[in-house]
Amino acid sequence: MDSASENKGIWKYSSQWEEELLLLKAVIDKTELSETTKWGGSVYVYQKKNVIGLGGFKDYFAIWFFNGVFLKDNKKKLTNAQEDKTKSLRQWRFKSKEEINETAIIEYILEAIENEKQGKIIKPSKKEAIISELLEKEMIQNPLLKEAFQKFSPYKQYEFLEYIESAKQEKTKLSRIEKVIPMILANVGLNDKYR
């Protein structure tokens, strides 16, 4: 994939839903949210807080509610895009413009704004400290590695440790360690290329 299409990421299909997304925008414009562009797509904010986003995917276009977990969802419209990963984000998917029900959408958005006003958000859970005995061993044998690792922020250290320790088998952990050692020594964070 060339980097241009990669950067568009989740919005690379927006052009095939242009008309539908414009219709959704017209609906959202009737609320007090203001439109901004973040991550290459339309995000609607209330007092600088992300409330909803719009995007086109391969098989559907969607509104996502950043704190959708708090919506009552009486009409059973919302989906959790990634069951295990996404705690608060919820999507409302559409396959055609006929599915755009203005009254229902506005009802959901107003509820989302109300939740925002009440400050309903999921606090990120305090991350448990992770210890990687295998990486510790490597660092004992290689003081340069230890020194380089300690230069990273706690958050970036955590990303490395989580990456290594989330592997179930020891041989996978070891191959992940081999993969990250050159990154650590080069002072490159695990997810730097996505930042």
C-alpha atoms as a PDB file:
ATOM      1  CA  MET A   1       0.000   0.000   0.000  1.00  0.00           C
ATOM      2  CA  ASP A   2       1.465   3.383  -0.831  1.00  0.00           C
ATOM      3  CA  SER A   3       1.694   5.833   2.028  1.00  0.00           C
ATOM      4  CA  ALA A   4      -0.861   8.224   0.549  1.00  0.00           C
ATOM      5  CA  SER A   5      -3.661   5.673   0.692  1.00  0.00           C
ATOM      6  CA  GLU A   6      -2.418   4.470   4.069  1.00  0.00           C
ATOM      7  CA  ASN A   7      -2.685   7.940   5.554  1.00  0.00           C
ATOM      8  CA  LYS A   8      -6.263   8.247   4.460  1.00  0.00           C
ATOM      9  CA  GLY A   9      -6.771   5.016   6.367  1.00  0.00           C
ATOM     10  CA  ILE A  10     -10.368   4.735   7.397  1.00  0.00           C
ATOM     11  CA  TRP A  11     -11.450   7.497   5.068  1.00  0.00           C
ATOM     12  CA  LYS A  12     -10.124   5.997   1.893  1.00  0.00           C
ATOM     13  CA  TYR A  13     -13.640   4.882   0.899  1.00  0.00           C
ATOM     14  CA  SER A  14     -15.327   8.193   1.703  1.00  0.00           C
ATOM     15  CA  SER A  15     -15.429   9.222  -1.952  1.00  0.00           C
ATOM     16  CA  GLN A  16     -17.687   6.303  -2.840  1.00  0.00           C
ATOM     17  CA  TRP A  17     -20.213   7.562  -0.234  1.00  0.00           C
ATOM     18  CA  GLU A  18     -19.901  11.251  -1.036  1.00  0.00           C
ATOM     19  CA  GLU A  19     -23.615  11.922  -1.477  1.00  0.00           C
ATOM     20  CA  GLU A  20     -24.590   9.861   1.574  1.00  0.00           C
ATOM     21  CA  LEU A  21     -22.025  11.557   3.796  1.00  0.00           C
ATOM     22  CA  LEU A  22     -23.240  14.970   2.637  1.00  0.00           C
ATOM     23  CA  LEU A  23     -26.748  13.976   3.673  1.00  0.00           C
ATOM     24  CA  LEU A  24     -25.488  12.966   7.108  1.00  0.00           C
ATOM     25  CA  LYS A  25     -23.593  16.249   7.377  1.00  0.00           C
ATOM     26  CA  ALA A  26     -26.779  18.161   6.612  1.00  0.00           C
ATOM     27  CA  VAL A  27     -28.486  16.334   9.484  1.00  0.00           C
ATOM     28  CA  ILE A  28     -25.607  16.946  11.896  1.00  0.00           C
ATOM     29  CA  ASP A  29     -25.519  20.630  10.934  1.00  0.00           C
ATOM     30  CA  LYS A  30     -28.921  20.988  12.620  1.00  0.00           C
ATOM     31  CA  THR A  31     -27.299  20.305  15.989  1.00  0.00           C
ATOM     32  CA  GLU A  32     -24.963  22.517  18.014  1.00  0.00           C
ATOM     33  CA  LEU A  33     -21.862  20.515  17.095  1.00  0.00           C
ATOM     34  CA  SER A  34     -19.116  22.150  15.080  1.00  0.00           C
ATOM     35  CA  GLU A  35     -17.220  20.347  12.363  1.00  0.00           C
ATOM     36  CA  THR A  36     -13.449  19.946  12.458  1.00  0.00           C
ATOM     37  CA  THR A  37     -11.097  17.702  10.572  1.00  0.00           C
ATOM     38  CA  LYS A  38      -9.081  15.202  12.561  1.00  0.00           C
ATOM     39  CA  TRP A  39      -7.187  12.157  11.344  1.00  0.00           C
ATOM     40  CA  GLY A  40      -8.173  13.148   7.807  1.00  0.00           C
ATOM     41  CA  GLY A  41     -11.933  12.991   8.310  1.00  0.00           C
ATOM     42  CA  SER A  42     -14.901  14.941   9.664  1.00  0.00           C
ATOM     43  CA  VAL A  43     -15.169  15.013  13.421  1.00  0.00           C
ATOM     44  CA  TYR A  44     -17.860  16.995  15.197  1.00  0.00           C
ATOM     45  CA  VAL A  45     -17.030  18.551  18.516  1.00  0.00           C
ATOM     46  CA  TYR A  46     -18.848  20.146  21.408  1.00  0.00           C
ATOM     47  CA  GLN A  47     -16.594  22.599  23.273  1.00  0.00           C
ATOM     48  CA  LYS A  48     -13.502  20.980  21.742  1.00  0.00           C
ATOM     49  CA  LYS A  49     -14.588  17.491  22.827  1.00  0.00           C
ATOM     50  CA  ASN A  50     -15.012  14.850  20.111  1.00  0.00           C
ATOM     51  CA  VAL A  51     -18.645  13.770  19.989  1.00  0.00           C
ATOM     52  CA  ILE A  52     -19.090  12.102  16.602  1.00  0.00           C
ATOM     53  CA  GLY A  53     -17.151  11.302  13.473  1.00  0.00           C
ATOM     54  CA  LEU A  54     -18.190  10.391   9.946  1.00  0.00           C
ATOM     55  CA  GLY A  55     -16.546   8.027   7.561  1.00  0.00           C
ATOM     56  CA  GLY A  56     -16.940   5.760   4.578  1.00  0.00           C
ATOM     57  CA  PHE A  57     -15.803   2.160   4.686  1.00  0.00           C
ATOM     58  CA  LYS A  58     -15.751  -0.495   2.025  1.00  0.00           C
ATOM     59  CA  ASP A  59     -19.242  -1.873   2.641  1.00  0.00           C
ATOM     60  CA  TYR A  60     -20.917   0.875   4.625  1.00  0.00           C
ATOM     61  CA  PHE A  61     -20.664   4.456   5.795  1.00  0.00           C
ATOM     62  CA  ALA A  62     -21.012   5.335   9.439  1.00  0.00           C
ATOM     63  CA  ILE A  63     -21.393   7.859  12.194  1.00  0.00           C
ATOM     64  CA  TRP A  64     -19.344   6.960  15.197  1.00  0.00           C
ATOM     65  CA  PHE A  65     -20.030   8.221  18.645  1.00  0.00           C
ATOM     66  CA  PHE A  66     -16.823   8.695  20.590  1.00  0.00           C
ATOM     67  CA  ASN A  67     -18.599   7.998  23.882  1.00  0.00           C
ATOM     68  CA  GLY A  68     -21.298   5.830  22.345  1.00  0.00           C
ATOM     69  CA  VAL A  69     -21.137   3.340  25.187  1.00  0.00           C
ATOM     70  CA  PHE A  70     -23.282   5.742  27.239  1.00  0.00           C
ATOM     71  CA  LEU A  71     -26.074   6.027  24.672  1.00  0.00           C
ATOM     72  CA  LYS A  72     -29.316   4.230  25.530  1.00  0.00           C
ATOM     73  CA  ASP A  73     -29.516   2.914  21.946  1.00  0.00           C
ATOM     74  CA  ASN A  74     -33.260   2.234  22.169  1.00  0.00           C
ATOM     75  CA  LYS A  75     -33.392   1.610  18.428  1.00  0.00           C
ATOM     76  CA  LYS A  76     -30.532  -0.942  18.584  1.00  0.00           C
ATOM     77  CA  LYS A  77     -28.511   0.834  15.913  1.00  0.00           C
ATOM     78  CA  LEU A  78     -25.048   0.884  17.430  1.00  0.00           C
ATOM     79  CA  THR A  79     -22.193  -1.544  16.868  1.00  0.00           C
ATOM     80  CA  ASN A  80     -18.926  -1.901  18.689  1.00  0.00           C
ATOM     81  CA  ALA A  81     -16.407  -1.884  15.855  1.00  0.00           C
ATOM     82  CA  GLN A  82     -13.782  -3.948  17.676  1.00  0.00           C
ATOM     83  CA  GLU A  83     -15.311  -5.941  20.511  1.00  0.00           C
ATOM     84  CA  ASP A  84     -12.226  -6.333  22.700  1.00  0.00           C
ATOM     85  CA  LYS A  85     -10.411  -3.132  21.964  1.00  0.00           C
ATOM     86  CA  THR A  86     -13.029  -0.429  21.853  1.00  0.00           C
ATOM     87  CA  LYS A  87     -14.436   0.543  25.192  1.00  0.00           C
ATOM     88  CA  SER A  88     -16.439   3.657  24.472  1.00  0.00           C
ATOM     89  CA  LEU A  89     -16.642   4.084  20.689  1.00  0.00           C
ATOM     90  CA  ARG A  90     -19.828   2.936  18.950  1.00  0.00           C
ATOM     91  CA  GLN A  91     -20.733   3.030  15.250  1.00  0.00           C
ATOM     92  CA  TRP A  92     -24.051   3.470  13.533  1.00  0.00           C
ATOM     93  CA  ARG A  93     -23.620   1.880  10.109  1.00  0.00           C
ATOM     94  CA  PHE A  94     -25.614   2.619   6.978  1.00  0.00           C
ATOM     95  CA  LYS A  95     -25.630   0.750   3.686  1.00  0.00           C
ATOM     96  CA  SER A  96     -27.722   3.246   1.701  1.00  0.00           C
ATOM     97  CA  LYS A  97     -29.046   6.780   1.982  1.00  0.00           C
ATOM     98  CA  GLU A  98     -32.554   5.354   2.451  1.00  0.00           C
ATOM     99  CA  GLU A  99     -31.395   4.223   5.891  1.00  0.00           C
ATOM    100  CA  ILE A 100     -30.690   7.797   7.001  1.00  0.00           C
ATOM    101  CA  ASN A 101     -33.474   8.594   9.451  1.00  0.00           C
ATOM    102  CA  GLU A 102     -32.986  12.225  10.382  1.00  0.00           C
ATOM    103  CA  THR A 103     -35.211  12.227  13.485  1.00  0.00           C
ATOM    104  CA  ALA A 104     -33.553   9.155  14.952  1.00  0.00           C
ATOM    105  CA  ILE A 105     -30.032  10.379  14.182  1.00  0.00           C
ATOM    106  CA  ILE A 106     -30.680  13.767  15.761  1.00  0.00           C
ATOM    107  CA  GLU A 107     -32.145  12.054  18.820  1.00  0.00           C
ATOM    108  CA  TYR A 108     -28.932  10.035  19.246  1.00  0.00           C
ATOM    109  CA  ILE A 109     -26.705  13.072  18.666  1.00  0.00           C
ATOM    110  CA  LEU A 110     -28.614  15.189  21.185  1.00  0.00           C
ATOM    111  CA  GLU A 111     -28.227  12.419  23.738  1.00  0.00           C
ATOM    112  CA  ALA A 112     -24.497  12.226  22.956  1.00  0.00           C
ATOM    113  CA  ILE A 113     -24.164  16.014  23.447  1.00  0.00           C
ATOM    114  CA  GLU A 114     -26.091  15.782  26.715  1.00  0.00           C
ATOM    115  CA  ASN A 115     -23.744  13.021  27.927  1.00  0.00           C
ATOM    116  CA  GLU A 116     -20.800  15.225  26.978  1.00  0.00           C
ATOM    117  CA  LYS A 117     -22.263  18.114  28.994  1.00  0.00           C
ATOM    118  CA  GLN A 118     -22.587  15.784  31.960  1.00  0.00           C
ATOM    119  CA  GLY A 119     -18.979  14.723  31.489  1.00  0.00           C
ATOM    120  CA  LYS A 120     -19.718  11.039  30.971  1.00  0.00           C
ATOM    121  CA  ILE A 121     -16.495   9.449  29.817  1.00  0.00           C
ATOM    122  CA  ILE A 122     -14.692   6.218  30.462  1.00  0.00           C
ATOM    123  CA  LYS A 123     -11.568   6.957  32.421  1.00  0.00           C
ATOM    124  CA  PRO A 124      -8.673   5.030  30.923  1.00  0.00           C
ATOM    125  CA  SER A 125      -8.000   2.176  33.289  1.00  0.00           C
ATOM    126  CA  LYS A 126      -4.768   2.496  35.190  1.00  0.00           C
ATOM    127  CA  LYS A 127      -2.428   0.213  33.332  1.00  0.00           C
ATOM    128  CA  GLU A 128      -0.952  -2.652  35.290  1.00  0.00           C
ATOM    129  CA  ALA A 129       2.815  -2.675  35.302  1.00  0.00           C
ATOM    130  CA  ILE A 130       4.147  -5.380  33.003  1.00  0.00           C
ATOM    131  CA  ILE A 131       7.361  -7.209  33.680  1.00  0.00           C
ATOM    132  CA  SER A 132       9.133  -9.097  30.941  1.00  0.00           C
ATOM    133  CA  GLU A 133      11.643 -11.472  32.471  1.00  0.00           C
ATOM    134  CA  LEU A 134      12.982 -12.332  29.033  1.00  0.00           C
ATOM    135  CA  LEU A 135      13.664  -8.695  28.188  1.00  0.00           C
ATOM    136  CA  GLU A 136      15.183  -8.201  31.666  1.00  0.00           C
ATOM    137  CA  LYS A 137      17.607 -11.057  30.896  1.00  0.00           C
ATOM    138  CA  GLU A 138      18.574  -9.403  27.606  1.00  0.00           C
ATOM    139  CA  MET A 139      19.190  -6.115  29.396  1.00  0.00           C
ATOM    140  CA  ILE A 140      21.405  -7.733  32.005  1.00  0.00           C
ATOM    141  CA  GLN A 141      23.533  -9.180  29.198  1.00  0.00           C
ATOM    142  CA  ASN A 142      23.464  -5.956  27.240  1.00  0.00           C
ATOM    143  CA  PRO A 143      23.853  -2.786  29.364  1.00  0.00           C
ATOM    144  CA  LEU A 144      23.518  -0.599  26.248  1.00  0.00           C
ATOM    145  CA  LEU A 145      20.073  -2.032  25.668  1.00  0.00           C
ATOM    146  CA  LYS A 146      19.051  -1.276  29.249  1.00  0.00           C
ATOM    147  CA  GLU A 147      20.353   2.272  28.937  1.00  0.00           C
ATOM    148  CA  ALA A 148      18.511   2.800  25.648  1.00  0.00           C
ATOM    149  CA  PHE A 149      15.280   1.326  27.066  1.00  0.00           C
ATOM    150  CA  GLN A 150      15.380   3.660  30.050  1.00  0.00           C
ATOM    151  CA  LYS A 151      15.453   6.687  27.752  1.00  0.00           C
ATOM    152  CA  PHE A 152      11.886   5.939  26.598  1.00  0.00           C
ATOM    153  CA  SER A 153       8.905   7.475  28.323  1.00  0.00           C
ATOM    154  CA  PRO A 154       7.056   5.077  30.672  1.00  0.00           C
ATOM    155  CA  TYR A 155       4.261   4.905  28.102  1.00  0.00           C
ATOM    156  CA  LYS A 156       6.588   3.771  25.314  1.00  0.00           C
ATOM    157  CA  GLN A 157       8.320   1.300  27.642  1.00  0.00           C
ATOM    158  CA  TYR A 158       4.886  -0.076  28.432  1.00  0.00           C
ATOM    159  CA  GLU A 159       4.106  -0.516  24.712  1.00  0.00           C
ATOM    160  CA  PHE A 160       7.244  -2.611  24.236  1.00  0.00           C
ATOM    161  CA  LEU A 161       6.565  -4.733  27.309  1.00  0.00           C
ATOM    162  CA  GLU A 162       2.929  -5.252  26.364  1.00  0.00           C
ATOM    163  CA  TYR A 163       3.930  -6.234  22.824  1.00  0.00           C
ATOM    164  CA  ILE A 164       6.393  -8.843  24.126  1.00  0.00           C
ATOM    165  CA  GLU A 165       4.272 -10.205  26.961  1.00  0.00           C
ATOM    166  CA  SER A 166       1.000 -10.399  25.016  1.00  0.00           C
ATOM    167  CA  ALA A 167       2.524 -13.310  23.060  1.00  0.00           C
ATOM    168  CA  LYS A 168       1.316 -16.609  24.443  1.00  0.00           C
ATOM    169  CA  GLN A 169       4.340 -18.753  23.644  1.00  0.00           C
ATOM    170  CA  GLU A 170       7.865 -18.194  24.819  1.00  0.00           C
ATOM    171  CA  LYS A 171       9.315 -18.619  21.319  1.00  0.00           C
ATOM    172  CA  THR A 172       7.005 -15.842  20.059  1.00  0.00           C
ATOM    173  CA  LYS A 173       8.102 -13.630  22.962  1.00  0.00           C
ATOM    174  CA  LEU A 174      11.718 -14.278  22.042  1.00  0.00           C
ATOM    175  CA  SER A 175      11.163 -13.486  18.373  1.00  0.00           C
ATOM    176  CA  ARG A 176       9.376 -10.264  19.395  1.00  0.00           C
ATOM    177  CA  ILE A 177      12.298  -9.326  21.605  1.00  0.00           C
ATOM    178  CA  GLU A 178      14.658  -9.889  18.682  1.00  0.00           C
ATOM    179  CA  LYS A 179      12.458  -7.637  16.598  1.00  0.00           C
ATOM    180  CA  VAL A 180      12.362  -4.779  19.135  1.00  0.00           C
ATOM    181  CA  ILE A 181      16.023  -4.778  20.238  1.00  0.00           C
ATOM    182  CA  PRO A 182      17.217  -2.866  17.122  1.00  0.00           C
ATOM    183  CA  MET A 183      14.306  -0.424  17.579  1.00  0.00           C
ATOM    184  CA  ILE A 184      15.181   0.191  21.228  1.00  0.00           C
ATOM    185  CA  LEU A 185      18.856   0.689  20.399  1.00  0.00           C
ATOM    186  CA  ALA A 186      17.900   3.106  17.609  1.00  0.00           C
ATOM    187  CA  ASN A 187      15.608   4.963  20.025  1.00  0.00           C
ATOM    188  CA  VAL A 188      12.523   4.188  17.900  1.00  0.00           C
ATOM    189  CA  GLY A 189       9.276   3.628  19.798  1.00  0.00           C
ATOM    190  CA  LEU A 190       7.177   0.601  18.906  1.00  0.00           C
ATOM    191  CA  ASN A 191       4.386   2.672  17.343  1.00  0.00           C
ATOM    192  CA  ASP A 192       6.369   5.739  16.285  1.00  0.00           C
ATOM    193  CA  LYS A 193       5.692   5.161  12.608  1.00  0.00           C
ATOM    194  CA  TYR A 194       1.950   5.506  13.294  1.00  0.00           C
ATOM    195  CA  ARG A 195       2.286   8.689  15.325  1.00  0.00           C
END
